[in-house]
């Protein structure tokens, strides 16, 4: 199960790079309809770095992985809501990660 968490964090985080690339016009993103501001692009990049950090903290068994994951999910979901047409399926990845958080919380009790 921890493999699924790590892979989900890494893939979901890397997918967030599309928002950064789109906002800064680093590549042609014809399939993405929304025009993002540079500020919003930076938020997508921060979200990428946060999810990758979650995976690293989890791998090295640093307890704060759960707090960072919750914050990453919150930021991710706000960005997804703002760009629903292009990124609605990211909600599924956020739900998978939330299930891991719920399981961790349950085991902590």
Protein backbone atom coordinates (compact mmCIF):
# COMPACT_ATOMS: atom_id res chain seq x y z
CA UNK A 1 0.00 0.00 0.00
CA UNK A 2 2.82 2.42 0.69
CA UNK A 3 4.03 1.91 -2.89
CA UNK A 4 0.65 3.19 -4.13
CA UNK A 5 0.93 6.27 -1.92
CA UNK A 6 4.44 7.08 -3.13
CA UNK A 7 3.60 6.54 -6.80
CA UNK A 8 0.39 8.56 -6.51
CA UNK A 9 2.25 11.47 -4.90
CA UNK A 10 4.96 11.44 -7.54
CA UNK A 11 2.70 11.09 -10.59
CA UNK A 12 0.07 13.52 -9.29
CA UNK A 13 2.79 16.00 -8.39
CA UNK A 14 4.42 15.75 -11.81
CA UNK A 15 1.07 16.22 -13.53
CA UNK A 16 0.76 19.51 -11.65
CA UNK A 17 3.75 20.69 -13.69
CA UNK A 18 1.38 21.06 -16.65
CA UNK A 19 -0.18 24.07 -14.94
CA UNK A 20 3.24 25.66 -14.47
CA UNK A 21 4.27 24.95 -18.06
CA UNK A 22 0.98 26.34 -19.34
CA UNK A 23 1.20 29.54 -17.29
CA UNK A 24 4.78 30.29 -18.31
CA UNK A 25 4.26 29.12 -21.91
CA UNK A 26 7.27 26.80 -21.72
CA UNK A 27 5.68 24.43 -24.23
CA UNK A 28 2.63 24.32 -26.48
CA UNK A 29 -0.27 23.08 -24.43
CA UNK A 30 -3.01 22.97 -27.06
CA UNK A 31 -5.18 20.57 -25.08
CA UNK A 32 -5.32 22.90 -22.08
CA UNK A 33 -8.02 25.49 -22.56
CA UNK A 34 -7.41 27.77 -19.64
CA UNK A 35 -4.96 30.66 -19.64
CA UNK A 36 -3.28 30.75 -16.27
CA UNK A 37 -1.62 33.73 -14.67
CA UNK A 38 2.02 33.45 -13.73
CA UNK A 39 1.03 33.55 -10.04
CA UNK A 40 -1.29 30.61 -10.53
CA UNK A 41 1.46 28.85 -12.47
CA UNK A 42 3.74 29.27 -9.47
CA UNK A 43 1.05 27.72 -7.27
CA UNK A 44 0.97 24.72 -9.59
CA UNK A 45 4.77 24.46 -9.26
CA UNK A 46 4.56 24.72 -5.46
CA UNK A 47 1.97 21.95 -5.50
CA UNK A 48 4.33 19.80 -7.57
CA UNK A 49 7.16 20.34 -5.11
CA UNK A 50 4.85 19.69 -2.16
CA UNK A 51 3.66 16.32 -3.49
CA UNK A 52 7.20 15.24 -4.31
CA UNK A 53 8.21 16.26 -0.78
CA UNK A 54 5.33 14.21 0.64
CA UNK A 55 6.68 11.14 -1.12
CA UNK A 56 10.19 11.78 0.23
CA UNK A 57 9.00 12.36 3.79
CA UNK A 58 6.96 9.17 3.61
CA UNK A 59 9.90 7.16 2.23
CA UNK A 60 12.17 8.38 5.02
CA UNK A 61 9.44 7.80 7.63
CA UNK A 62 9.30 11.42 8.76
CA UNK A 63 5.99 11.85 10.63
CA UNK A 64 5.19 15.25 9.15
CA UNK A 65 4.41 13.59 5.80
CA UNK A 66 0.75 13.49 6.77
CA UNK A 67 0.53 17.22 7.57
CA UNK A 68 2.27 18.15 4.33
CA UNK A 69 0.06 15.75 2.39
CA UNK A 70 -3.09 17.33 3.80
CA UNK A 71 -1.86 20.81 2.84
CA UNK A 72 -0.82 19.58 -0.61
CA UNK A 73 -4.23 18.07 -1.21
CA UNK A 74 -5.94 21.29 -0.13
CA UNK A 75 -3.83 23.43 -2.49
CA UNK A 76 -4.23 20.91 -5.28
CA UNK A 77 -8.00 20.82 -4.92
CA UNK A 78 -8.28 24.61 -4.97
CA UNK A 79 -6.25 24.68 -8.18
CA UNK A 80 -8.37 21.89 -9.64
CA UNK A 81 -11.60 23.71 -8.82
CA UNK A 82 -10.27 26.87 -10.47
CA UNK A 83 -9.42 24.92 -13.64
CA UNK A 84 -12.06 22.23 -13.49
CA UNK A 85 -12.33 21.57 -17.23
CA UNK A 86 -8.67 20.69 -17.62
CA UNK A 87 -7.94 19.07 -14.29
CA UNK A 88 -11.08 17.53 -12.79
CA UNK A 89 -9.59 14.02 -12.76
CA UNK A 90 -6.94 15.19 -10.29
CA UNK A 91 -9.70 15.00 -7.69
CA UNK A 92 -9.47 11.20 -7.89
CA UNK A 93 -5.78 11.27 -7.00
CA UNK A 94 -6.54 13.64 -4.11
CA UNK A 95 -9.20 11.22 -2.86
CA UNK A 96 -6.74 8.31 -2.98
CA UNK A 97 -4.27 10.35 -0.93
CA UNK A 98 -7.02 11.31 1.51
CA UNK A 99 -7.77 7.62 2.04
CA UNK A 100 -4.14 7.09 3.03
CA UNK A 101 -4.40 9.99 5.48
CA UNK A 102 -7.59 8.58 6.96
CA UNK A 103 -5.92 5.17 7.35
CA UNK A 104 -2.90 6.77 9.03
CA UNK A 105 -5.16 8.71 11.39
CA UNK A 106 -7.13 5.58 12.22
CA UNK A 107 -3.96 3.65 13.04
CA UNK A 108 -2.73 6.52 15.19
CA UNK A 109 -5.84 6.32 17.42
